[in-house]
Structures are given as C-alpha cells and as structure tokens.
Amino acid sequence: MATKIYFFNNTPNDKDWALVYAMAETGEVLAHHVCSHIGYMFHDLYGRYPAREAEWNAKFPEGFEIVMLENGKVAPPEVYAKNQQLRKMAEATTT
C-alpha cells in the first residue's frame, strides 16, 4: 500500500508567503519550504527537485501518494501525533 505524503501550509494565509511541508503518514517531515505563494507548494516541495522522486521511491518501496491539503488544512491528527513522537525521541537522544 502506498504511503501518503501530505503537502500542507502551516500558516494561516493561503494567498501570500507560506511555510509549507511535505510530511509522510509516518510523521516524518520530508521537506519544507517558504513559498512566495501557496500556488507554488507542489513545485517548491517536489516538482523542482527531480532527486526527490528517486529518494522517496527508495524510502517508500511500496510507492507513495502525494495528498495536497489546501485552504488551511494540515496533516491529519494521527500523523501529527506521530510527528510529535519522533520529535520527542530525537530530543531524548540529544540530551
């Protein structure tokens, strides 16, 4: 089954400068970027980086599906919870 990779805007504005993320359903942040406009989100996270397709195919051998979330939607709560678990594990290993 393909892994979902959520592309979303983490700022309250869908029109101007925006901090965007590519987050796998595992909770791992795969990419982030500051976009001058939300309309460039796909291009800025994936389209202009041809190596990302190969990198993500290697990381997710079962395939991946990009899910574009717009209009203020963010990664699902269970994905965010996994992200926070990863953060806590990383903090524990650096202290």
C-alpha atoms as a PDB file:
ATOM      1  CA  MET A   1       0.000   0.000   0.000  1.00  0.00           C
ATOM      2  CA  ALA A   2       1.343   3.402  -0.966  1.00  0.00           C
ATOM      3  CA  THR A   3       2.469   5.770   1.766  1.00  0.00           C
ATOM      4  CA  LYS A   4       0.617   9.062   1.834  1.00  0.00           C
ATOM      5  CA  ILE A   5       2.716  12.213   1.809  1.00  0.00           C
ATOM      6  CA  TYR A   6       0.761  15.268   2.878  1.00  0.00           C
ATOM      7  CA  PHE A   7       1.645  18.662   1.411  1.00  0.00           C
ATOM      8  CA  PHE A   8       0.245  21.456   3.558  1.00  0.00           C
ATOM      9  CA  ASN A   9       0.554  25.088   4.508  1.00  0.00           C
ATOM     10  CA  ASN A  10       1.402  25.737   8.161  1.00  0.00           C
ATOM     11  CA  THR A  11       0.487  29.417   8.085  1.00  0.00           C
ATOM     12  CA  PRO A  12      -2.958  30.995   8.397  1.00  0.00           C
ATOM     13  CA  ASN A  13      -2.792  32.597   4.966  1.00  0.00           C
ATOM     14  CA  ASP A  14      -3.405  30.692   1.722  1.00  0.00           C
ATOM     15  CA  LYS A  15      -2.513  33.621  -0.527  1.00  0.00           C
ATOM     16  CA  ASP A  16       0.864  35.106   0.405  1.00  0.00           C
ATOM     17  CA  TRP A  17       4.135  33.849   1.882  1.00  0.00           C
ATOM     18  CA  ALA A  18       3.619  30.464   3.464  1.00  0.00           C
ATOM     19  CA  LEU A  19       5.633  27.830   5.292  1.00  0.00           C
ATOM     20  CA  VAL A  20       4.792  24.548   3.586  1.00  0.00           C
ATOM     21  CA  TYR A  21       5.640  20.968   4.489  1.00  0.00           C
ATOM     22  CA  ALA A  22       5.758  17.514   2.981  1.00  0.00           C
ATOM     23  CA  MET A  23       5.013  15.107   5.839  1.00  0.00           C
ATOM     24  CA  ALA A  24       4.753  11.342   5.391  1.00  0.00           C
ATOM     25  CA  GLU A  25       1.987   9.482   7.176  1.00  0.00           C
ATOM     26  CA  THR A  26       4.792   8.108   9.387  1.00  0.00           C
ATOM     27  CA  GLY A  27       5.101  11.625  10.849  1.00  0.00           C
ATOM     28  CA  GLU A  28       8.462  12.303   9.227  1.00  0.00           C
ATOM     29  CA  VAL A  29       8.933  15.708   7.638  1.00  0.00           C
ATOM     30  CA  LEU A  30      10.411  15.020   4.211  1.00  0.00           C
ATOM     31  CA  ALA A  31      10.691  18.624   3.011  1.00  0.00           C
ATOM     32  CA  HIS A  32       9.766  22.176   3.939  1.00  0.00           C
ATOM     33  CA  HIS A  33       9.953  25.482   2.154  1.00  0.00           C
ATOM     34  CA  VAL A  34       8.894  29.106   2.410  1.00  0.00           C
ATOM     35  CA  CYS A  35       6.719  29.764  -0.643  1.00  0.00           C
ATOM     36  CA  SER A  36       6.017  33.206  -2.009  1.00  0.00           C
ATOM     37  CA  HIS A  37       2.517  31.959  -2.836  1.00  0.00           C
ATOM     38  CA  ILE A  38       0.653  28.808  -1.833  1.00  0.00           C
ATOM     39  CA  GLY A  39       0.096  28.033  -5.506  1.00  0.00           C
ATOM     40  CA  TYR A  40       3.776  27.066  -5.753  1.00  0.00           C
ATOM     41  CA  MET A  41       3.584  24.488  -2.947  1.00  0.00           C
ATOM     42  CA  PHE A  42       3.802  21.369  -5.147  1.00  0.00           C
ATOM     43  CA  HIS A  43       6.596  22.810  -7.259  1.00  0.00           C
ATOM     44  CA  ASP A  44       8.572  24.069  -4.245  1.00  0.00           C
ATOM     45  CA  LEU A  45       8.317  20.813  -2.292  1.00  0.00           C
ATOM     46  CA  TYR A  46       8.652  18.316  -5.118  1.00  0.00           C
ATOM     47  CA  GLY A  47       8.419  19.469  -8.727  1.00  0.00           C
ATOM     48  CA  ARG A  48      11.703  21.329  -8.972  1.00  0.00           C
ATOM     49  CA  TYR A  49      13.696  18.645  -7.144  1.00  0.00           C
ATOM     50  CA  PRO A  50      13.919  15.648  -9.504  1.00  0.00           C
ATOM     51  CA  ALA A  51      16.033  13.727  -7.000  1.00  0.00           C
ATOM     52  CA  ARG A  52      13.151  13.698  -4.527  1.00  0.00           C
ATOM     53  CA  GLU A  53      11.170  11.220  -6.596  1.00  0.00           C
ATOM     54  CA  ALA A  54      14.063   8.734  -6.542  1.00  0.00           C
ATOM     55  CA  GLU A  55      14.730   9.439  -2.851  1.00  0.00           C
ATOM     56  CA  TRP A  56      11.096   8.945  -1.866  1.00  0.00           C
ATOM     57  CA  ASN A  57      10.747   5.841  -4.066  1.00  0.00           C
ATOM     58  CA  ALA A  58      13.732   4.319  -2.260  1.00  0.00           C
ATOM     59  CA  LYS A  59      12.334   5.310   1.140  1.00  0.00           C
ATOM     60  CA  PHE A  60       8.842   4.001   0.333  1.00  0.00           C
ATOM     61  CA  PRO A  61       9.348   0.944  -1.925  1.00  0.00           C
ATOM     62  CA  GLU A  62       5.609   0.236  -1.853  1.00  0.00           C
ATOM     63  CA  GLY A  63       5.118   3.640  -3.519  1.00  0.00           C
ATOM     64  CA  PHE A  64       3.825   6.970  -2.336  1.00  0.00           C
ATOM     65  CA  GLU A  65       0.843   9.180  -2.972  1.00  0.00           C
ATOM     66  CA  ILE A  66       1.015  12.959  -2.636  1.00  0.00           C
ATOM     67  CA  VAL A  67      -2.051  14.404  -0.940  1.00  0.00           C
ATOM     68  CA  MET A  68      -2.411  18.153  -1.431  1.00  0.00           C
ATOM     69  CA  LEU A  69      -4.095  19.849   1.530  1.00  0.00           C
ATOM     70  CA  GLU A  70      -5.210  23.399   0.891  1.00  0.00           C
ATOM     71  CA  ASN A  71      -7.388  26.066   2.473  1.00  0.00           C
ATOM     72  CA  GLY A  72      -5.746  25.804   5.884  1.00  0.00           C
ATOM     73  CA  LYS A  73      -5.981  22.015   6.196  1.00  0.00           C
ATOM     74  CA  VAL A  74      -2.976  20.367   7.849  1.00  0.00           C
ATOM     75  CA  ALA A  75      -1.807  16.788   8.248  1.00  0.00           C
ATOM     76  CA  PRO A  76      -4.349  14.538   9.990  1.00  0.00           C
ATOM     77  CA  PRO A  77      -4.156  14.469  13.811  1.00  0.00           C
ATOM     78  CA  GLU A  78      -2.783  10.912  13.913  1.00  0.00           C
ATOM     79  CA  VAL A  79       0.037  11.903  11.534  1.00  0.00           C
ATOM     80  CA  TYR A  80       0.848  14.986  13.612  1.00  0.00           C
ATOM     81  CA  ALA A  81       0.879  12.791  16.758  1.00  0.00           C
ATOM     82  CA  LYS A  82       3.439  10.507  15.085  1.00  0.00           C
ATOM     83  CA  ASN A  83       5.476  13.604  14.179  1.00  0.00           C
ATOM     84  CA  GLN A  84       5.494  14.701  17.809  1.00  0.00           C
ATOM     85  CA  GLN A  85       6.587  11.224  18.927  1.00  0.00           C
ATOM     86  CA  LEU A  86       9.517  11.426  16.510  1.00  0.00           C
ATOM     87  CA  ARG A  87      10.397  14.862  17.887  1.00  0.00           C
ATOM     88  CA  LYS A  88      10.387  13.570  21.472  1.00  0.00           C
ATOM     89  CA  MET A  89      12.565  10.611  20.503  1.00  0.00           C
ATOM     90  CA  ALA A  90      15.040  12.947  18.774  1.00  0.00           C
ATOM     91  CA  GLU A  91      15.141  15.243  21.795  1.00  0.00           C
ATOM     92  CA  ALA A  92      15.785  12.280  24.099  1.00  0.00           C
ATOM     93  CA  THR A  93      18.823  11.225  22.084  1.00  0.00           C
ATOM     94  CA  THR A  94      20.349  14.728  22.050  1.00  0.00           C
ATOM     95  CA  THR A  95      20.105  15.444  25.763  1.00  0.00           C
END
